Protein backbone atom coordinates (compact mmCIF):
# COMPACT_ATOMS: atom_id res chain seq x y z
CA UNK A 1 35.39 30.64 -59.70
CA UNK A 2 37.02 27.85 -61.64
CA UNK A 3 35.03 24.84 -62.75
CA UNK A 4 37.34 22.63 -60.67
CA UNK A 5 36.60 24.60 -57.51
CA UNK A 6 32.89 24.51 -58.26
CA UNK A 7 33.12 20.75 -58.67
CA UNK A 8 34.90 20.36 -55.32
CA UNK A 9 32.32 22.53 -53.57
CA UNK A 10 29.51 20.55 -55.19
CA UNK A 11 30.99 17.24 -54.08
CA UNK A 12 31.49 18.64 -50.60
CA UNK A 13 27.87 19.77 -50.45
CA UNK A 14 26.66 16.35 -51.54
CA UNK A 15 28.87 14.65 -48.96
CA UNK A 16 27.61 17.03 -46.29
CA UNK A 17 24.04 16.29 -47.26
CA UNK A 18 24.69 12.55 -47.23
CA UNK A 19 26.25 12.78 -43.78
CA UNK A 20 23.41 14.96 -42.55
CA UNK A 21 20.77 12.58 -43.87
CA UNK A 22 22.65 9.58 -42.46
CA UNK A 23 22.91 11.26 -39.05
CA UNK A 24 19.25 12.27 -39.12
CA UNK A 25 18.22 8.71 -39.92
CA UNK A 26 20.34 7.43 -37.02
CA UNK A 27 18.41 9.80 -34.80
CA UNK A 28 14.82 9.18 -35.96
CA UNK A 29 14.72 5.85 -37.78
CA UNK A 30 12.99 3.10 -35.81
CA UNK A 31 15.47 1.17 -33.70
CA UNK A 32 13.21 -0.94 -31.52
CA UNK A 33 13.25 -4.74 -31.44
CA UNK A 34 9.92 -5.60 -29.82
CA UNK A 35 6.47 -6.31 -31.25
CA UNK A 36 4.39 -4.83 -28.45
CA UNK A 37 3.22 -1.24 -28.79
CA UNK A 38 5.10 -0.36 -25.62
CA UNK A 39 7.28 -1.97 -22.99
CA UNK A 40 8.62 -0.87 -19.62
CA UNK A 41 12.23 -1.31 -18.61
CA UNK A 42 13.50 -1.06 -15.04
CA UNK A 43 16.98 0.27 -14.29
CA UNK A 44 17.98 -0.47 -10.67
CA UNK A 45 19.62 2.13 -8.46
CA UNK A 46 23.40 2.52 -8.80
CA UNK A 47 23.42 0.81 -12.21
CA UNK A 48 26.48 1.38 -14.39
CA UNK A 49 26.23 2.04 -18.10
CA UNK A 50 27.15 -1.58 -18.78
CA UNK A 51 24.37 -2.69 -16.44
CA UNK A 52 21.88 -0.48 -18.25
CA UNK A 53 23.00 -1.71 -21.67
CA UNK A 54 22.34 -5.33 -20.70
CA UNK A 55 18.82 -4.41 -19.62
CA UNK A 56 18.07 -2.27 -22.68
CA UNK A 57 19.76 -4.46 -25.34
CA UNK A 58 16.82 -6.90 -25.88
CA UNK A 59 14.63 -3.97 -26.88
CA UNK A 60 17.06 -2.22 -29.27
CA UNK A 61 17.66 -3.46 -32.82
CA UNK A 62 20.98 -1.72 -33.51
CA UNK A 63 23.04 -1.10 -30.38
CA UNK A 64 25.88 0.61 -32.28
CA UNK A 65 23.66 3.46 -33.39
CA UNK A 66 22.06 3.64 -29.96
CA UNK A 67 25.42 3.84 -28.20
CA UNK A 68 26.65 6.45 -30.67
CA UNK A 69 23.90 8.81 -29.55
CA UNK A 70 24.35 7.84 -25.90
CA UNK A 71 27.91 9.12 -26.02
CA UNK A 72 26.84 12.34 -27.75
CA UNK A 73 24.10 13.06 -25.20
CA UNK A 74 26.10 11.94 -22.17
CA UNK A 75 23.80 9.11 -21.12
CA UNK A 76 26.77 6.78 -20.81
CA UNK A 77 28.15 9.11 -18.14
CA UNK A 78 24.93 9.60 -16.22
CA UNK A 79 22.62 6.57 -16.13
CA UNK A 80 19.24 7.23 -14.52
CA UNK A 81 17.51 4.58 -12.43
CA UNK A 82 13.78 3.99 -12.46
CA UNK A 83 10.92 2.77 -14.63
CA UNK A 84 10.98 3.85 -18.27
CA UNK A 85 8.49 3.55 -21.13
CA UNK A 86 9.72 2.51 -24.58
CA UNK A 87 7.33 2.69 -27.54
CA UNK A 88 7.50 0.66 -30.72
CA UNK A 89 9.10 2.57 -33.60
CA UNK A 90 11.18 4.92 -31.43
CA UNK A 91 14.41 6.16 -32.97
CA UNK A 92 17.64 6.54 -31.03
CA UNK A 93 16.90 10.14 -30.05
CA UNK A 94 13.52 9.24 -28.53
CA UNK A 95 14.94 6.11 -26.92
CA UNK A 96 17.60 8.06 -25.07
CA UNK A 97 15.05 10.71 -24.12
CA UNK A 98 12.70 8.01 -22.81
CA UNK A 99 15.48 6.63 -20.59
CA UNK A 100 15.67 10.00 -18.87
CA UNK A 101 11.97 10.21 -18.05
CA UNK A 102 11.21 8.23 -14.90
CA UNK A 103 7.61 6.98 -15.00
CA UNK A 104 5.69 7.12 -11.67
CA UNK A 105 3.94 4.05 -10.31
CA UNK A 106 0.71 4.07 -8.33
CA UNK A 107 0.32 2.03 -5.17
CA UNK A 108 -3.12 1.31 -3.77
CA UNK A 109 -3.85 -0.69 -0.66
CA UNK A 110 -6.67 -1.33 1.77
CA UNK A 111 -8.04 -4.10 3.94
CA UNK A 112 -4.60 -5.56 4.71
CA UNK A 113 -4.41 -7.46 7.99
CA UNK A 114 -0.80 -7.00 9.01
CA UNK A 115 2.44 -5.32 8.05
CA UNK A 116 3.98 -8.50 6.62
CA UNK A 117 1.20 -8.78 4.04
CA UNK A 118 1.33 -5.10 3.15
CA UNK A 119 5.08 -4.92 2.49
CA UNK A 120 4.80 -7.91 0.14
CA UNK A 121 2.19 -5.97 -1.83
CA UNK A 122 4.29 -2.81 -1.88
CA UNK A 123 7.45 -4.68 -2.92
CA UNK A 124 5.72 -5.71 -6.15
CA UNK A 125 5.46 -2.04 -7.12
CA UNK A 126 8.79 -0.48 -6.12
CA UNK A 127 12.46 -1.41 -6.14
CA UNK A 128 12.71 -1.97 -2.38
CA UNK A 129 11.97 -5.58 -1.42
CA UNK A 130 9.76 -6.79 1.43
CA UNK A 131 12.71 -7.48 3.74
CA UNK A 132 14.05 -3.95 3.33
CA UNK A 133 10.59 -2.50 3.93
CA UNK A 134 10.06 -4.57 7.08
CA UNK A 135 13.44 -3.51 8.42
CA UNK A 136 12.68 0.13 7.70
CA UNK A 137 9.28 0.16 9.39
CA UNK A 138 10.49 -1.77 12.44
CA UNK A 139 13.71 0.19 12.88
CA UNK A 140 14.06 0.94 16.59
CA UNK A 141 15.18 4.55 16.09
CA UNK A 142 12.25 5.26 13.78
CA UNK A 143 9.76 3.64 16.17
CA UNK A 144 11.06 5.47 19.24
CA UNK A 145 11.30 8.86 17.51
CA UNK A 146 7.70 8.67 16.31
CA UNK A 147 6.06 6.96 19.28
CA UNK A 148 5.32 3.63 17.61
CA UNK A 149 5.97 0.05 18.63
CA UNK A 150 6.50 -2.96 16.38
CA UNK A 151 2.97 -4.04 17.27
CA UNK A 152 1.22 -0.77 16.42
CA UNK A 153 3.36 0.71 13.62
CA UNK A 154 0.76 -0.73 11.25
CA UNK A 155 -1.49 2.15 12.34
CA UNK A 156 0.79 4.37 10.27
CA UNK A 157 -0.87 3.25 7.03
CA UNK A 158 -3.99 4.89 5.66
CA UNK A 159 -5.83 3.16 2.82
CA UNK A 160 -5.45 5.26 -0.30
CA UNK A 161 -3.76 5.48 -3.69
CA UNK A 162 -0.25 6.94 -3.68
CA UNK A 163 2.24 7.84 -6.40
CA UNK A 164 5.92 6.93 -6.22
CA UNK A 165 8.85 6.36 -8.51
CA UNK A 166 9.78 2.70 -8.94
CA UNK A 167 13.30 3.32 -7.61
CA UNK A 168 11.93 4.53 -4.26
CA UNK A 169 13.96 3.15 -1.36
CA UNK A 170 12.40 1.54 1.70
CA UNK A 171 13.19 4.54 3.89
CA UNK A 172 11.85 6.97 1.29
CA UNK A 173 8.61 5.03 1.15
CA UNK A 174 8.39 4.91 4.95
CA UNK A 175 9.01 8.65 5.28
CA UNK A 176 6.28 9.39 2.72
CA UNK A 177 3.83 7.27 4.71
CA UNK A 178 4.79 9.12 7.88
CA UNK A 179 4.15 12.43 6.15
CA UNK A 180 0.70 11.25 5.02
CA UNK A 181 -0.03 10.00 8.55
CA UNK A 182 0.81 13.37 10.10
CA UNK A 183 -1.27 15.13 7.47
CA UNK A 184 -4.27 12.94 8.32
CA UNK A 185 -4.03 13.50 12.06
CA UNK A 186 -5.13 17.12 12.02
CA UNK A 187 -5.49 19.19 15.16
CA UNK A 188 -9.22 18.48 15.06
CA UNK A 189 -8.75 14.70 14.97
CA UNK A 190 -6.04 14.84 17.63
CA UNK A 191 -8.37 16.83 19.88
CA UNK A 192 -11.15 14.27 19.44
CA UNK A 193 -8.75 11.44 20.29
CA UNK A 194 -7.62 13.36 23.37
CA UNK A 195 -11.25 13.76 24.47
CA UNK A 196 -11.52 9.96 24.35
CA UNK A 197 -8.31 9.65 26.38
CA UNK A 198 -6.78 7.78 23.46
CA UNK A 199 -3.72 8.15 21.29
CA UNK A 200 -4.02 8.07 17.49
CA UNK A 201 -2.56 4.54 17.60
CA UNK A 202 -5.23 3.43 20.06
CA UNK A 203 -7.98 5.04 17.99
CA UNK A 204 -6.80 3.20 14.88
CA UNK A 205 -6.50 -0.08 16.80
CA UNK A 206 -10.09 0.21 17.96
CA UNK A 207 -11.13 1.31 14.46
CA UNK A 208 -9.62 -1.89 13.06
CA UNK A 209 -12.03 -3.88 15.25
CA UNK A 210 -14.96 -1.69 14.23
CA UNK A 211 -13.93 -2.09 10.60
CA UNK A 212 -13.99 -5.88 10.93
CA UNK A 213 -17.26 -5.93 12.86
CA UNK A 214 -19.32 -4.15 10.24
CA UNK A 215 -19.03 -3.07 6.63
CA UNK A 216 -21.99 -0.72 7.07
CA UNK A 217 -20.59 2.79 7.28
CA UNK A 218 -23.74 4.18 8.88
CA UNK A 219 -23.54 1.61 11.71
CA UNK A 220 -19.89 2.06 12.60
CA UNK A 221 -20.35 5.03 14.97
CA UNK A 222 -22.84 2.90 16.94
CA UNK A 223 -20.51 -0.11 17.08
CA UNK A 224 -17.61 2.15 18.06
CA UNK A 225 -19.59 3.53 20.99
CA UNK A 226 -20.35 0.02 22.26
CA UNK A 227 -16.63 -0.65 22.58
CA UNK A 228 -15.96 2.77 24.07
CA UNK A 229 -18.70 2.09 26.64
CA UNK A 230 -17.08 -1.23 27.54
CA UNK A 231 -13.70 0.44 27.96
CA UNK A 232 -15.25 3.11 30.21
CA UNK A 233 -16.95 0.43 32.34
CA UNK A 234 -13.78 -1.67 32.59
CA UNK A 235 -15.38 -4.52 30.64
CA UNK A 236 -13.39 -6.70 28.26
CA UNK A 237 -13.99 -5.73 24.64
CA UNK A 238 -14.93 -9.32 23.79
CA UNK A 239 -14.65 -8.66 20.07
CA UNK A 240 -15.00 -11.73 17.86
CA UNK A 241 -12.72 -10.30 15.14
CA UNK A 242 -9.85 -10.36 17.64
CA UNK A 243 -10.45 -14.09 18.15
CA UNK A 244 -10.32 -14.64 14.40
CA UNK A 245 -7.11 -12.63 14.18
CA UNK A 246 -5.61 -14.63 17.06
CA UNK A 247 -6.40 -17.91 15.28
CA UNK A 248 -4.79 -16.69 12.08
CA UNK A 249 -1.77 -15.36 13.95
CA UNK A 250 -1.14 -18.61 15.78
CA UNK A 251 -1.52 -20.69 12.62
CA UNK A 252 0.35 -18.07 10.56
CA UNK A 253 -2.32 -18.50 7.93
CA UNK A 254 -3.93 -15.20 6.99
CA UNK A 255 -5.47 -16.60 3.83
CA UNK A 256 -7.96 -18.77 5.67
CA UNK A 257 -11.59 -17.67 5.87
CA UNK A 258 -13.12 -18.03 9.35
CA UNK A 259 -16.87 -17.43 9.43
CA UNK A 260 -17.74 -18.49 12.96
CA UNK A 261 -16.21 -18.25 16.41
CA UNK A 262 -16.78 -21.12 18.86
CA UNK A 263 -16.70 -21.06 22.65
CA UNK A 264 -13.47 -23.04 22.69
CA UNK A 265 -11.79 -20.28 20.71
CA UNK A 266 -12.20 -17.90 23.66
CA UNK A 267 -9.40 -19.80 25.41
CA UNK A 268 -6.78 -19.00 22.76
CA UNK A 269 -3.88 -17.45 24.65
CA UNK A 270 -3.01 -14.44 22.54
CA UNK A 271 -2.57 -10.77 23.53
CA UNK A 272 -5.04 -10.05 20.72
CA UNK A 273 -7.75 -12.17 22.37
CA UNK A 274 -10.01 -9.51 23.90
CA UNK A 275 -12.06 -12.16 25.68
CA UNK A 276 -9.00 -13.23 27.66
CA UNK A 277 -7.21 -9.89 27.98
CA UNK A 278 -8.87 -6.65 28.99
CA UNK A 279 -8.42 -3.41 27.08
CA UNK A 280 -7.22 -2.84 23.56
CA UNK A 281 -4.98 -5.38 21.82
CA UNK A 282 -1.33 -4.32 21.36
CA UNK A 283 -1.97 -3.24 17.78
CA UNK A 284 -4.55 -3.23 15.00
CA UNK A 285 -6.03 -6.45 13.66
CA UNK A 286 -6.44 -4.95 10.20
CA UNK A 287 -5.98 -1.75 8.26
CA UNK A 288 -9.16 0.22 8.99
CA UNK A 289 -10.47 2.60 6.39
CA UNK A 290 -10.83 6.28 7.20
CA UNK A 291 -14.55 5.89 7.76
CA UNK A 292 -13.90 3.47 10.62
CA UNK A 293 -11.31 5.77 12.21
CA UNK A 294 -13.69 8.71 12.04
CA UNK A 295 -16.45 6.52 13.49
CA UNK A 296 -14.34 6.03 16.63
CA UNK A 297 -13.58 9.74 16.77
CA UNK A 298 -17.25 10.61 16.27
CA UNK A 299 -19.19 7.86 18.07
CA UNK A 300 -22.96 7.76 18.38
CA UNK A 301 -24.33 8.72 21.81
CA UNK A 302 -25.98 5.68 23.45
CA UNK A 303 -25.63 3.29 26.40
CA UNK A 304 -25.51 -0.02 24.52
CA UNK A 305 -22.86 -2.49 25.68
CA UNK A 306 -23.91 -5.55 23.66
CA UNK A 307 -24.59 -6.35 20.04
CA UNK A 308 -24.80 -9.31 17.71
CA UNK A 309 -25.56 -9.88 14.05
CA UNK A 310 -29.12 -9.26 12.96
CA UNK A 311 -31.11 -12.01 11.25
CA UNK A 312 -33.62 -9.50 9.92
CA UNK A 313 -31.31 -6.82 8.51
CA UNK A 314 -28.49 -8.64 6.78
CA UNK A 315 -25.13 -6.98 7.45
CA UNK A 316 -26.42 -5.00 10.41
CA UNK A 317 -26.55 -5.75 14.13
CA UNK A 318 -29.01 -5.79 17.01
CA UNK A 319 -27.94 -3.75 20.06
CA UNK A 320 -28.79 -4.08 23.72
CA UNK A 321 -28.15 -2.30 27.01
CA UNK A 322 -28.82 -5.38 29.15
CA UNK A 323 -27.45 -8.90 29.08
CA UNK A 324 -30.93 -10.42 29.10
CA UNK A 325 -31.93 -8.60 25.93
CA UNK A 326 -28.61 -9.45 24.33
CA UNK A 327 -29.11 -13.15 25.10
CA UNK A 328 -32.45 -13.05 23.26
CA UNK A 329 -30.79 -11.44 20.22
CA UNK A 330 -27.83 -13.84 20.34
CA UNK A 331 -30.11 -16.90 20.55
CA UNK A 332 -31.91 -15.76 17.41
CA UNK A 333 -28.66 -15.43 15.54
CA UNK A 334 -27.29 -18.78 16.77
CA UNK A 335 -30.50 -20.53 15.66
CA UNK A 336 -30.26 -18.87 12.23
CA UNK A 337 -26.63 -19.99 11.87
CA UNK A 338 -27.52 -23.56 12.72
CA UNK A 339 -30.31 -23.50 10.17
CA UNK A 340 -27.84 -22.34 7.53
CA UNK A 341 -25.40 -25.07 8.47
CA UNK A 342 -22.62 -22.50 8.88
CA UNK A 343 -19.41 -23.88 10.34
């Protein structure tokens, strides 16, 4: 081999090595432009490559190198929507890989009082906004197909922690909740509801009242039976939490804290006022936890039809089978309230 040929081959090898090193550096060298250890970027559904670039650009130091790899790996032809995690010091290769790994989000909820409040909470976690979620859950076809009404569709939700992708649509979220609802209402629970001559929606509606009446899990089966006894006897439920809900509903202020119900409140004309209207309200007054639902399905066996807050066991109640005994218990509680100056 001539010295000239050897020289050409040597130069070629050096050039190849230079190109290889340059390409490698473009792949692995840090190309992030943020100081935090990690940031999340959100790519909306149906985003074009130009849309994605505008979102990603503030976090990338050298867009030319980034786009060079995008074209090689086909990201510019297939943008993925969702929530993505970028870490400080990522090179182009890891950046593009990160934009293909949709990060799940967790959604937890409990103790919500109505659907409007819940969808606002959910909308902070996923792409679908509160208006889309409301429309999805109150869609007439969905309600009719699954036996719900606009008033009781809130019974669909079970307090828990769920995992979704950020780019979940309103209908996808709704369908997941329906699946969880059907999973909860096992044959055993359905049979227990049937034995009470109640639908799952009615059980949950009553459970929402029980949930609001007492936070004591061990007392809920007893409270539930009081209301079931009243229903069996044709008595009004006369549940104070339904009065409180009615006041909030009329004022459209669900942030207010109402500690006491007054006699004048019994005249509030609302279908949720169980002093004025007999039977269950048209829907739940809150999102009951599973313990409250199971308390209705598994009530304690007794003949009590009255109860009021106990002044001796804070958080619990005193129960009575007769009105005379109840009046004694109620007078004790009223006197205690007045002594505390509770309004």
